[in-house]
Amino acid sequence: MKRWILQTILLRKIKLKRLDLYAKAKSLGRKDHRVITCSQELDALLNKYQSLL
C-alpha cells in the first residue's frame, strides 16, 4: 500500500483514539487503568505514524 494511504489511515485512527481517550479520562479519571491502556494505544499509533515520516 502506498505510504500516503497508510499515513491517512493512521491519522484517522489517531484522531479517533484521541477522542476516545478524552472521553474516558473525563468519565473515569486520568488514573483509571482503562484510560492508561487507551493512552498507551494512542502512543503506539503515534510511534507508528512517526516511523512512516
C-alpha atoms as a PDB file:
ATOM      1  CA  MET A   1       0.000   0.000   0.000  1.00  0.00           C
ATOM      2  CA  LYS A   2       1.218   3.497  -0.709  1.00  0.00           C
ATOM      3  CA  ARG A   3       2.797   5.411   2.142  1.00  0.00           C
ATOM      4  CA  TRP A   4       0.368   8.348   1.974  1.00  0.00           C
ATOM      5  CA  ILE A   5      -2.594   5.988   2.254  1.00  0.00           C
ATOM      6  CA  LEU A   6      -1.102   4.400   5.376  1.00  0.00           C
ATOM      7  CA  GLN A   7      -0.423   7.845   6.828  1.00  0.00           C
ATOM      8  CA  THR A   8      -4.006   8.935   6.154  1.00  0.00           C
ATOM      9  CA  ILE A   9      -5.407   5.790   7.774  1.00  0.00           C
ATOM     10  CA  LEU A  10      -3.142   6.197  10.795  1.00  0.00           C
ATOM     11  CA  LEU A  11      -4.082   9.858  11.208  1.00  0.00           C
ATOM     12  CA  ARG A  12      -7.755   8.881  11.274  1.00  0.00           C
ATOM     13  CA  LYS A  13      -7.088   6.162  13.857  1.00  0.00           C
ATOM     14  CA  ILE A  14      -5.068   8.645  15.934  1.00  0.00           C
ATOM     15  CA  LYS A  15      -7.905  11.172  15.844  1.00  0.00           C
ATOM     16  CA  LEU A  16     -10.469   8.571  16.940  1.00  0.00           C
ATOM     17  CA  LYS A  17      -8.221   7.162  19.675  1.00  0.00           C
ATOM     18  CA  ARG A  18      -7.543  10.682  20.996  1.00  0.00           C
ATOM     19  CA  LEU A  19     -11.279  11.399  21.202  1.00  0.00           C
ATOM     20  CA  ASP A  20     -11.786   8.056  22.950  1.00  0.00           C
ATOM     21  CA  LEU A  21      -9.012   8.894  25.408  1.00  0.00           C
ATOM     22  CA  TYR A  22     -10.505  12.310  26.221  1.00  0.00           C
ATOM     23  CA  ALA A  23     -13.941  10.803  26.822  1.00  0.00           C
ATOM     24  CA  LYS A  24     -12.592   8.024  29.040  1.00  0.00           C
ATOM     25  CA  ALA A  25     -10.414  10.420  31.034  1.00  0.00           C
ATOM     26  CA  LYS A  26     -13.368  12.716  31.597  1.00  0.00           C
ATOM     27  CA  SER A  27     -15.700   9.970  32.771  1.00  0.00           C
ATOM     28  CA  LEU A  28     -13.282   7.604  34.547  1.00  0.00           C
ATOM     29  CA  GLY A  29     -10.477   9.877  35.726  1.00  0.00           C
ATOM     30  CA  ARG A  30      -6.912  10.018  34.455  1.00  0.00           C
ATOM     31  CA  LYS A  31      -5.579   7.260  36.723  1.00  0.00           C
ATOM     32  CA  ASP A  32      -8.041   4.549  35.701  1.00  0.00           C
ATOM     33  CA  HIS A  33      -6.356   1.542  34.087  1.00  0.00           C
ATOM     34  CA  ARG A  34      -8.641   1.780  31.030  1.00  0.00           C
ATOM     35  CA  VAL A  35      -7.530   5.366  30.437  1.00  0.00           C
ATOM     36  CA  ILE A  36      -3.878   4.402  30.807  1.00  0.00           C
ATOM     37  CA  THR A  37      -4.324   1.493  28.379  1.00  0.00           C
ATOM     38  CA  CYS A  38      -6.017   3.794  25.873  1.00  0.00           C
ATOM     39  CA  SER A  39      -3.172   6.290  26.259  1.00  0.00           C
ATOM     40  CA  GLN A  40      -0.641   3.555  25.569  1.00  0.00           C
ATOM     41  CA  GLU A  41      -2.565   2.521  22.465  1.00  0.00           C
ATOM     42  CA  LEU A  42      -2.502   6.141  21.281  1.00  0.00           C
ATOM     43  CA  ASP A  43       1.249   6.264  21.925  1.00  0.00           C
ATOM     44  CA  ALA A  44       1.715   3.153  19.773  1.00  0.00           C
ATOM     45  CA  LEU A  45      -0.265   4.702  16.910  1.00  0.00           C
ATOM     46  CA  LEU A  46       1.746   7.923  17.157  1.00  0.00           C
ATOM     47  CA  ASN A  47       5.013   5.985  17.127  1.00  0.00           C
ATOM     48  CA  LYS A  48       3.893   4.014  14.086  1.00  0.00           C
ATOM     49  CA  TYR A  49       2.923   7.239  12.281  1.00  0.00           C
ATOM     50  CA  GLN A  50       6.257   8.840  13.182  1.00  0.00           C
ATOM     51  CA  SER A  51       8.127   5.870  11.725  1.00  0.00           C
ATOM     52  CA  LEU A  52       6.417   6.483   8.354  1.00  0.00           C
ATOM     53  CA  LEU A  53       7.671  10.062   8.106  1.00  0.00           C
END
